[in-house]
Amino acid sequence: MSGEVSEALSRLAERLSGPDARATGAQRLSGGASMETWAFAIEGPGGSEDLILRRRTAPFDPETARSIPLSTEAALIRATGAQGAPVPPVRHLCDDADGLGEAYVMGRIGGETLGRKIVSDPRFDAVRPRLARQCGEVLAKIHATPPPPGLDLKVSDARVELDRYEEVYRATGAERPILELAFQHLRRHLPEPLEPVLLHGDFRNGNIMFDPEAGVAAVLDWELAHVGDPAEDMGWICTNSWRFGRPDRPVGGFGDYADLLAGYEAAGGRPVPLSRVRFWQAFGSLRWGVMCLTMYLSWQSGVEKSVERPMIGRRVSETEADLVVLMEQGL
């Protein structure tokens, strides 16, 4: 398969940069059951261009998919970039002539995405105090972006999301007292619906590229984008699982709530009460707990063989501890 991709990238290089261009250094960075990410460069008459290819390797099923089509991803990246959000430039949306299937190409952005390094590496000491405010500013720009016409984006609110994850939980047959209590508690504290906005859907430390000098360099991984409550994105980056060992810094392990909210308002976002963010933070712990549980059960049943599944699955106990604290604090 790698040979086929390399050959297709060589043809793509000529298409994008002329007959004398060639693709070099093709390297698969990551990939799951249905998605691959490749780094490569195009060497042409105008110089070298570092690029990233995202491609789907299994047919997209809109009935069962949690993610969005890659063409929708590319359209949202372009739209939010036009609104001022830091995103990689989309270079090319692939078609049948490229021989890469469902895919697009974007510019490669320099920086760091490993959450543990962002919260502890001395290279980020100077910029770390500014990151939470920058994240608020970025979210305001994303949320202010009108979704391009013709995109089939899912619309949800707190009740819809809680129903969805409780259905997943019930289907497992598991009986976890803390998760049971959390579902009941969150249903008693459902926030009133707000006018829905475009959401990134997975905005957290780990899906953001950070530069040691400039801070936020690019928002990545848009496959869970949808329309919903603006506090959902805020609560997800505040979920303890994405603080990487720094529970004292609620925003991504590097900042405080006040800076996140101040940056959001300063960039034009509507004021969001901290209580609403903390509801979605608690939901984030519950959501991740259910996801961890399903990963473990998929390994236990033999459906998945990867040791990664039980390693992630054991973290359900961490989310339960988070939920106990949050419920004791009244969210």
Protein backbone atom coordinates (compact mmCIF):
# COMPACT_ATOMS: atom_id res chain seq x y z
CA MET A 1 0.00 0.00 0.00
CA SER A 2 2.84 2.44 0.79
CA GLY A 3 4.19 1.94 -2.72
CA GLU A 4 0.82 2.78 -4.23
CA VAL A 5 0.57 5.96 -2.15
CA SER A 6 4.11 7.01 -3.09
CA GLU A 7 3.35 6.52 -6.78
CA ALA A 8 0.12 8.48 -6.49
CA LEU A 9 1.93 11.31 -4.67
CA SER A 10 4.46 11.49 -7.49
CA ARG A 11 1.64 11.97 -10.00
CA LEU A 12 0.02 14.50 -7.67
CA ALA A 13 3.26 16.49 -7.45
CA GLU A 14 3.26 16.93 -11.22
CA ARG A 15 -0.39 17.94 -11.15
CA LEU A 16 0.13 20.57 -8.45
CA SER A 17 3.56 21.94 -9.37
CA GLY A 18 4.25 21.06 -12.98
CA PRO A 19 5.87 18.25 -14.99
CA ASP A 20 9.30 18.70 -13.40
CA ALA A 21 8.00 18.36 -9.84
CA ARG A 22 8.40 15.23 -7.75
CA ALA A 23 7.24 13.96 -4.37
CA THR A 24 9.93 13.13 -1.83
CA GLY A 25 10.19 11.80 1.70
CA ALA A 26 6.74 10.20 1.84
CA GLN A 27 6.25 8.81 5.35
CA ARG A 28 3.13 7.49 7.03
CA LEU A 29 2.69 9.28 10.34
CA SER A 30 -0.37 7.61 11.78
CA GLY A 31 -3.49 5.75 10.86
CA GLY A 32 -6.30 3.72 12.29
CA ALA A 33 -8.78 1.33 10.81
CA SER A 34 -10.08 3.82 8.28
CA MET A 35 -7.73 6.83 8.15
CA GLU A 36 -4.11 7.53 7.26
CA THR A 37 -1.90 10.61 7.59
CA TRP A 38 1.20 10.99 5.42
CA ALA A 39 3.96 13.60 5.41
CA PHE A 40 5.73 14.35 2.14
CA ALA A 41 7.30 17.19 0.21
CA ILE A 42 6.99 18.42 -3.36
CA GLU A 43 10.26 19.43 -4.99
CA GLY A 44 9.66 21.64 -8.00
CA PRO A 45 11.03 24.54 -10.00
CA GLY A 46 9.77 26.94 -7.35
CA GLY A 47 11.44 25.15 -4.46
CA SER A 48 10.30 22.70 -1.81
CA GLU A 49 6.85 22.54 -0.20
CA ASP A 50 6.16 20.46 2.94
CA LEU A 51 2.72 18.88 2.89
CA ILE A 52 0.40 16.50 4.74
CA LEU A 53 -1.98 14.01 3.12
CA ARG A 54 -5.10 12.82 4.92
CA ARG A 55 -6.86 9.90 3.27
CA ARG A 56 -9.61 7.47 4.15
CA THR A 57 -8.83 3.82 3.52
CA ALA A 58 -12.30 2.37 4.12
CA PRO A 59 -15.58 3.47 2.50
CA PHE A 60 -17.34 6.29 4.33
CA ASP A 61 -20.71 5.21 5.73
CA PRO A 62 -22.83 8.23 6.67
CA GLU A 63 -25.26 6.04 8.63
CA THR A 64 -22.69 4.75 11.12
CA ALA A 65 -19.83 7.25 10.92
CA ARG A 66 -19.05 9.49 13.89
CA SER A 67 -16.69 11.51 11.71
CA ILE A 68 -17.45 13.78 8.75
CA PRO A 69 -16.37 13.28 5.12
CA LEU A 70 -12.89 14.55 4.32
CA SER A 71 -14.31 16.98 1.78
CA THR A 72 -16.35 18.50 4.62
CA GLU A 73 -13.23 18.64 6.81
CA ALA A 74 -11.37 20.51 4.10
CA ALA A 75 -14.27 22.92 3.57
CA LEU A 76 -14.45 23.72 7.31
CA ILE A 77 -10.71 24.26 7.55
CA ARG A 78 -10.88 26.71 4.67
CA ALA A 79 -13.93 28.48 6.13
CA THR A 80 -12.52 28.86 9.65
CA GLY A 81 -9.18 29.96 8.22
CA ALA A 82 -10.97 32.72 6.34
CA GLN A 83 -12.48 33.76 9.68
CA GLY A 84 -8.99 34.13 11.15
CA ALA A 85 -8.61 30.80 12.96
CA PRO A 86 -5.10 29.30 12.79
CA VAL A 87 -5.44 26.24 10.56
CA PRO A 88 -3.22 24.50 8.00
CA PRO A 89 -3.80 25.78 4.46
CA VAL A 90 -5.73 23.27 2.35
CA ARG A 91 -3.64 22.79 -0.77
CA HIS A 92 -5.76 20.34 -2.74
CA LEU A 93 -8.96 18.28 -2.46
CA CYS A 94 -8.24 14.99 -4.20
CA ASP A 95 -10.45 13.58 -6.94
CA ASP A 96 -10.59 10.35 -8.93
CA ALA A 97 -7.70 11.41 -11.15
CA ASP A 98 -5.33 11.43 -8.16
CA GLY A 99 -5.84 7.76 -7.34
CA LEU A 100 -5.78 8.40 -3.58
CA GLY A 101 -9.45 7.86 -2.83
CA GLU A 102 -11.16 10.20 -0.38
CA ALA A 103 -8.32 12.54 0.59
CA TYR A 104 -7.01 16.07 0.75
CA VAL A 105 -3.61 17.74 1.00
CA MET A 106 -2.70 20.56 3.38
CA GLY A 107 0.40 22.52 4.26
CA ARG A 108 2.59 21.16 7.04
CA ILE A 109 2.77 23.41 10.11
CA GLY A 110 5.77 23.31 12.44
CA GLY A 111 5.32 22.91 16.16
CA GLU A 112 4.44 20.44 18.89
CA THR A 113 1.24 18.45 19.51
CA LEU A 114 2.27 16.12 22.35
CA GLY A 115 0.22 17.27 25.32
CA ARG A 116 2.71 16.22 27.98
CA LYS A 117 5.42 18.32 26.35
CA ILE A 118 3.13 21.34 26.10
CA VAL A 119 2.48 21.28 29.85
CA SER A 120 6.02 20.47 31.04
CA ASP A 121 8.72 21.08 28.42
CA PRO A 122 10.86 24.13 29.37
CA ARG A 123 10.71 25.28 25.73
CA PHE A 124 7.09 26.34 26.37
CA ASP A 125 7.67 28.07 29.73
CA ALA A 126 7.57 31.58 28.28
CA VAL A 127 4.47 31.11 26.13
CA ARG A 128 2.48 28.80 28.41
CA PRO A 129 0.78 31.61 30.43
CA ARG A 130 -0.76 32.93 27.18
CA LEU A 131 -2.10 29.65 25.79
CA ALA A 132 -5.47 29.51 27.55
CA ARG A 133 -6.40 33.01 26.37
CA GLN A 134 -5.24 32.16 22.85
CA CYS A 135 -7.44 29.05 22.89
CA GLY A 136 -10.42 31.21 23.85
CA GLU A 137 -9.66 33.59 20.99
CA VAL A 138 -9.37 30.71 18.53
CA LEU A 139 -12.65 29.18 19.65
CA ALA A 140 -14.43 32.52 19.20
CA LYS A 141 -13.28 32.59 15.57
CA ILE A 142 -14.32 28.99 14.95
CA HIS A 143 -17.73 29.54 16.55
CA ALA A 144 -18.28 32.72 14.51
CA THR A 145 -17.73 30.84 11.23
CA PRO A 146 -20.89 30.21 9.19
CA PRO A 147 -20.73 26.60 7.94
CA PRO A 148 -20.32 26.59 4.14
CA PRO A 149 -23.59 25.87 2.30
CA GLY A 150 -24.37 22.28 1.42
CA LEU A 151 -22.52 20.60 4.28
CA ASP A 152 -24.45 17.95 6.19
CA LEU A 153 -23.31 18.68 9.75
CA LYS A 154 -24.92 17.05 12.76
CA VAL A 155 -26.71 19.38 15.17
CA SER A 156 -26.78 18.55 18.87
CA ASP A 157 -27.19 19.99 22.35
CA ALA A 158 -26.51 18.76 25.87
CA ARG A 159 -29.57 16.49 25.98
CA VAL A 160 -28.80 14.94 22.58
CA GLU A 161 -25.18 14.26 23.54
CA LEU A 162 -26.12 12.81 26.92
CA ASP A 163 -28.71 10.55 25.29
CA ARG A 164 -26.18 9.39 22.71
CA TYR A 165 -23.52 8.39 25.21
CA GLU A 166 -26.01 6.80 27.59
CA GLU A 167 -27.24 4.66 24.71
CA VAL A 168 -23.65 3.58 24.02
CA TYR A 169 -23.12 2.87 27.72
CA ARG A 170 -26.33 0.84 28.08
CA ALA A 171 -25.41 -1.24 25.03
CA THR A 172 -22.24 -2.42 26.79
CA GLY A 173 -24.24 -4.05 29.57
CA ALA A 174 -21.80 -2.60 32.10
CA GLU A 175 -22.92 -1.53 35.58
CA ARG A 176 -20.55 1.16 36.86
CA PRO A 177 -22.07 3.01 39.85
CA ILE A 178 -20.16 6.26 39.28
CA LEU A 179 -21.11 6.41 35.60
CA GLU A 180 -24.73 5.63 36.49
CA LEU A 181 -24.74 8.45 39.05
CA ALA A 182 -23.07 10.85 36.60
CA PHE A 183 -25.76 10.31 33.97
CA GLN A 184 -28.45 11.07 36.57
CA HIS A 185 -26.56 14.08 37.93
CA LEU A 186 -25.97 15.65 34.52
CA ARG A 187 -29.61 15.17 33.53
CA ARG A 188 -30.60 17.19 36.60
CA HIS A 189 -28.23 19.98 35.57
CA LEU A 190 -28.88 20.22 31.83
CA PRO A 191 -28.25 23.81 30.66
CA GLU A 192 -30.87 25.64 28.64
CA PRO A 193 -30.18 25.33 24.90
CA LEU A 194 -28.33 28.18 23.19
CA GLU A 195 -28.23 29.21 19.57
CA PRO A 196 -25.97 26.50 18.07
CA VAL A 197 -22.64 27.37 16.45
CA LEU A 198 -20.00 25.55 14.47
CA LEU A 199 -17.91 23.40 16.83
CA HIS A 200 -14.54 21.78 16.31
CA GLY A 201 -15.80 18.82 18.31
CA ASP A 202 -12.42 17.59 19.59
CA PHE A 203 -10.74 20.81 20.71
CA ARG A 204 -8.17 19.69 23.28
CA ASN A 205 -4.50 19.59 24.14
CA GLY A 206 -3.23 16.97 21.69
CA ASN A 207 -5.18 18.23 18.68
CA ILE A 208 -3.60 21.70 18.67
CA MET A 209 -0.19 22.54 17.23
CA PHE A 210 1.78 24.82 19.55
CA ASP A 211 4.86 26.89 18.74
CA PRO A 212 7.31 27.61 21.61
CA GLU A 213 7.37 31.31 20.71
CA ALA A 214 4.01 32.13 19.12
CA GLY A 215 1.73 29.76 21.03
CA VAL A 216 -1.21 28.31 19.12
CA ALA A 217 0.00 27.56 15.59
CA ALA A 218 -2.81 25.44 14.13
CA VAL A 219 -5.98 23.57 15.09
CA LEU A 220 -5.90 20.02 13.74
CA ASP A 221 -8.15 16.92 13.53
CA TRP A 222 -11.52 18.27 12.45
CA GLU A 223 -13.27 14.93 11.87
CA LEU A 224 -15.73 15.40 14.77
CA ALA A 225 -16.89 18.90 13.79
CA HIS A 226 -20.60 19.55 14.22
CA VAL A 227 -23.04 22.27 15.30
CA GLY A 228 -23.96 22.75 18.93
CA ASP A 229 -23.41 24.50 22.27
CA PRO A 230 -20.28 26.74 22.22
CA ALA A 231 -19.41 25.63 25.76
CA GLU A 232 -18.99 22.05 24.53
CA ASP A 233 -15.64 22.91 22.91
CA MET A 234 -14.60 24.83 26.03
CA GLY A 235 -15.52 22.04 28.41
CA TRP A 236 -13.67 19.41 26.38
CA ILE A 237 -10.30 21.18 26.58
CA CYS A 238 -10.88 21.58 30.34
CA THR A 239 -11.56 17.86 30.90
CA ASN A 240 -8.98 16.47 33.31
CA SER A 241 -7.96 13.67 30.93
CA TRP A 242 -6.41 16.30 28.63
CA ARG A 243 -4.39 18.09 31.34
CA PHE A 244 -1.54 15.56 31.18
CA GLY A 245 -0.71 15.46 34.84
CA ARG A 246 -1.48 19.11 35.67
CA PRO A 247 -4.91 19.07 37.34
CA ASP A 248 -4.13 22.49 38.84
CA ARG A 249 -4.35 24.07 35.38
CA PRO A 250 -7.87 23.32 34.17
CA VAL A 251 -7.45 24.51 30.57
CA GLY A 252 -5.42 21.85 28.81
CA GLY A 253 -2.99 21.51 31.70
CA PHE A 254 -1.54 24.94 30.91
CA GLY A 255 -4.02 27.65 31.91
CA ASP A 256 -7.01 28.89 33.88
CA TYR A 257 -10.73 29.19 33.17
CA ALA A 258 -10.68 32.98 33.46
CA ASP A 259 -8.12 33.37 30.70
CA LEU A 260 -10.02 31.02 28.37
CA LEU A 261 -13.29 32.92 28.89
CA ALA A 262 -11.63 36.34 28.66
CA GLY A 263 -9.95 35.45 25.39
CA TYR A 264 -13.25 34.16 24.02
CA GLU A 265 -15.11 37.37 24.83
CA ALA A 266 -12.26 39.63 23.68
CA ALA A 267 -12.35 37.93 20.26
CA GLY A 268 -16.09 38.52 19.90
CA GLY A 269 -17.58 35.43 21.49
CA ARG A 270 -20.77 35.73 23.51
CA PRO A 271 -20.17 35.59 27.28
CA VAL A 272 -20.29 32.00 28.57
CA PRO A 273 -20.83 31.35 32.31
CA LEU A 274 -18.19 29.20 33.97
CA SER A 275 -20.96 26.94 35.28
CA ARG A 276 -21.87 26.05 31.69
CA VAL A 277 -18.26 25.23 30.86
CA ARG A 278 -18.00 23.03 33.95
CA PHE A 279 -21.16 21.13 32.97
CA TRP A 280 -19.52 20.29 29.64
CA GLN A 281 -16.26 19.51 31.44
CA ALA A 282 -18.11 16.95 33.54
CA PHE A 283 -19.81 15.62 30.44
CA GLY A 284 -16.35 15.36 28.88
CA SER A 285 -15.17 13.09 31.69
CA LEU A 286 -18.32 10.98 31.32
CA ARG A 287 -17.94 10.86 27.55
CA TRP A 288 -14.30 9.78 27.77
CA GLY A 289 -15.16 7.25 30.45
CA VAL A 290 -17.73 5.61 28.20
CA MET A 291 -15.27 5.64 25.30
CA CYS A 292 -12.57 4.02 27.47
CA LEU A 293 -15.04 1.39 28.61
CA THR A 294 -16.03 0.47 25.05
CA MET A 295 -12.37 0.24 24.04
CA TYR A 296 -11.65 -2.20 26.85
CA LEU A 297 -14.71 -4.32 26.07
CA SER A 298 -13.81 -4.49 22.38
CA TRP A 299 -10.47 -6.03 23.43
CA GLN A 300 -12.01 -8.29 26.05
CA SER A 301 -14.44 -9.72 23.50
CA GLY A 302 -11.67 -10.39 21.00
CA VAL A 303 -12.98 -7.97 18.39
CA GLU A 304 -9.85 -5.84 18.76
CA LYS A 305 -6.41 -7.41 19.26
CA SER A 306 -4.35 -4.25 19.80
CA VAL A 307 -2.88 -3.86 23.28
CA GLU A 308 -3.65 -0.14 22.95
CA ARG A 309 -7.33 -0.83 23.62
CA PRO A 310 -6.98 -2.24 27.16
CA MET A 311 -4.29 0.32 27.96
CA ILE A 312 -6.75 3.12 27.17
CA GLY A 313 -9.64 1.17 28.62
CA ARG A 314 -8.15 1.11 32.12
CA ARG A 315 -8.45 4.90 32.21
CA VAL A 316 -12.19 4.64 32.83
CA SER A 317 -11.34 4.62 36.55
CA GLU A 318 -9.58 7.98 36.15
CA THR A 319 -12.71 9.53 34.66
CA GLU A 320 -14.79 8.11 37.51
CA ALA A 321 -12.50 9.82 40.02
CA ASP A 322 -12.87 13.08 38.09
CA LEU A 323 -16.65 12.74 38.10
CA VAL A 324 -16.79 12.15 41.85
CA VAL A 325 -14.86 15.37 42.47
CA LEU A 326 -16.99 17.38 40.03
CA MET A 327 -20.27 16.10 41.47
CA GLU A 328 -19.09 16.85 45.00
CA GLN A 329 -18.30 20.38 43.83
CA GLY A 330 -21.77 20.69 42.29
CA LEU A 331 -20.20 21.03 38.83
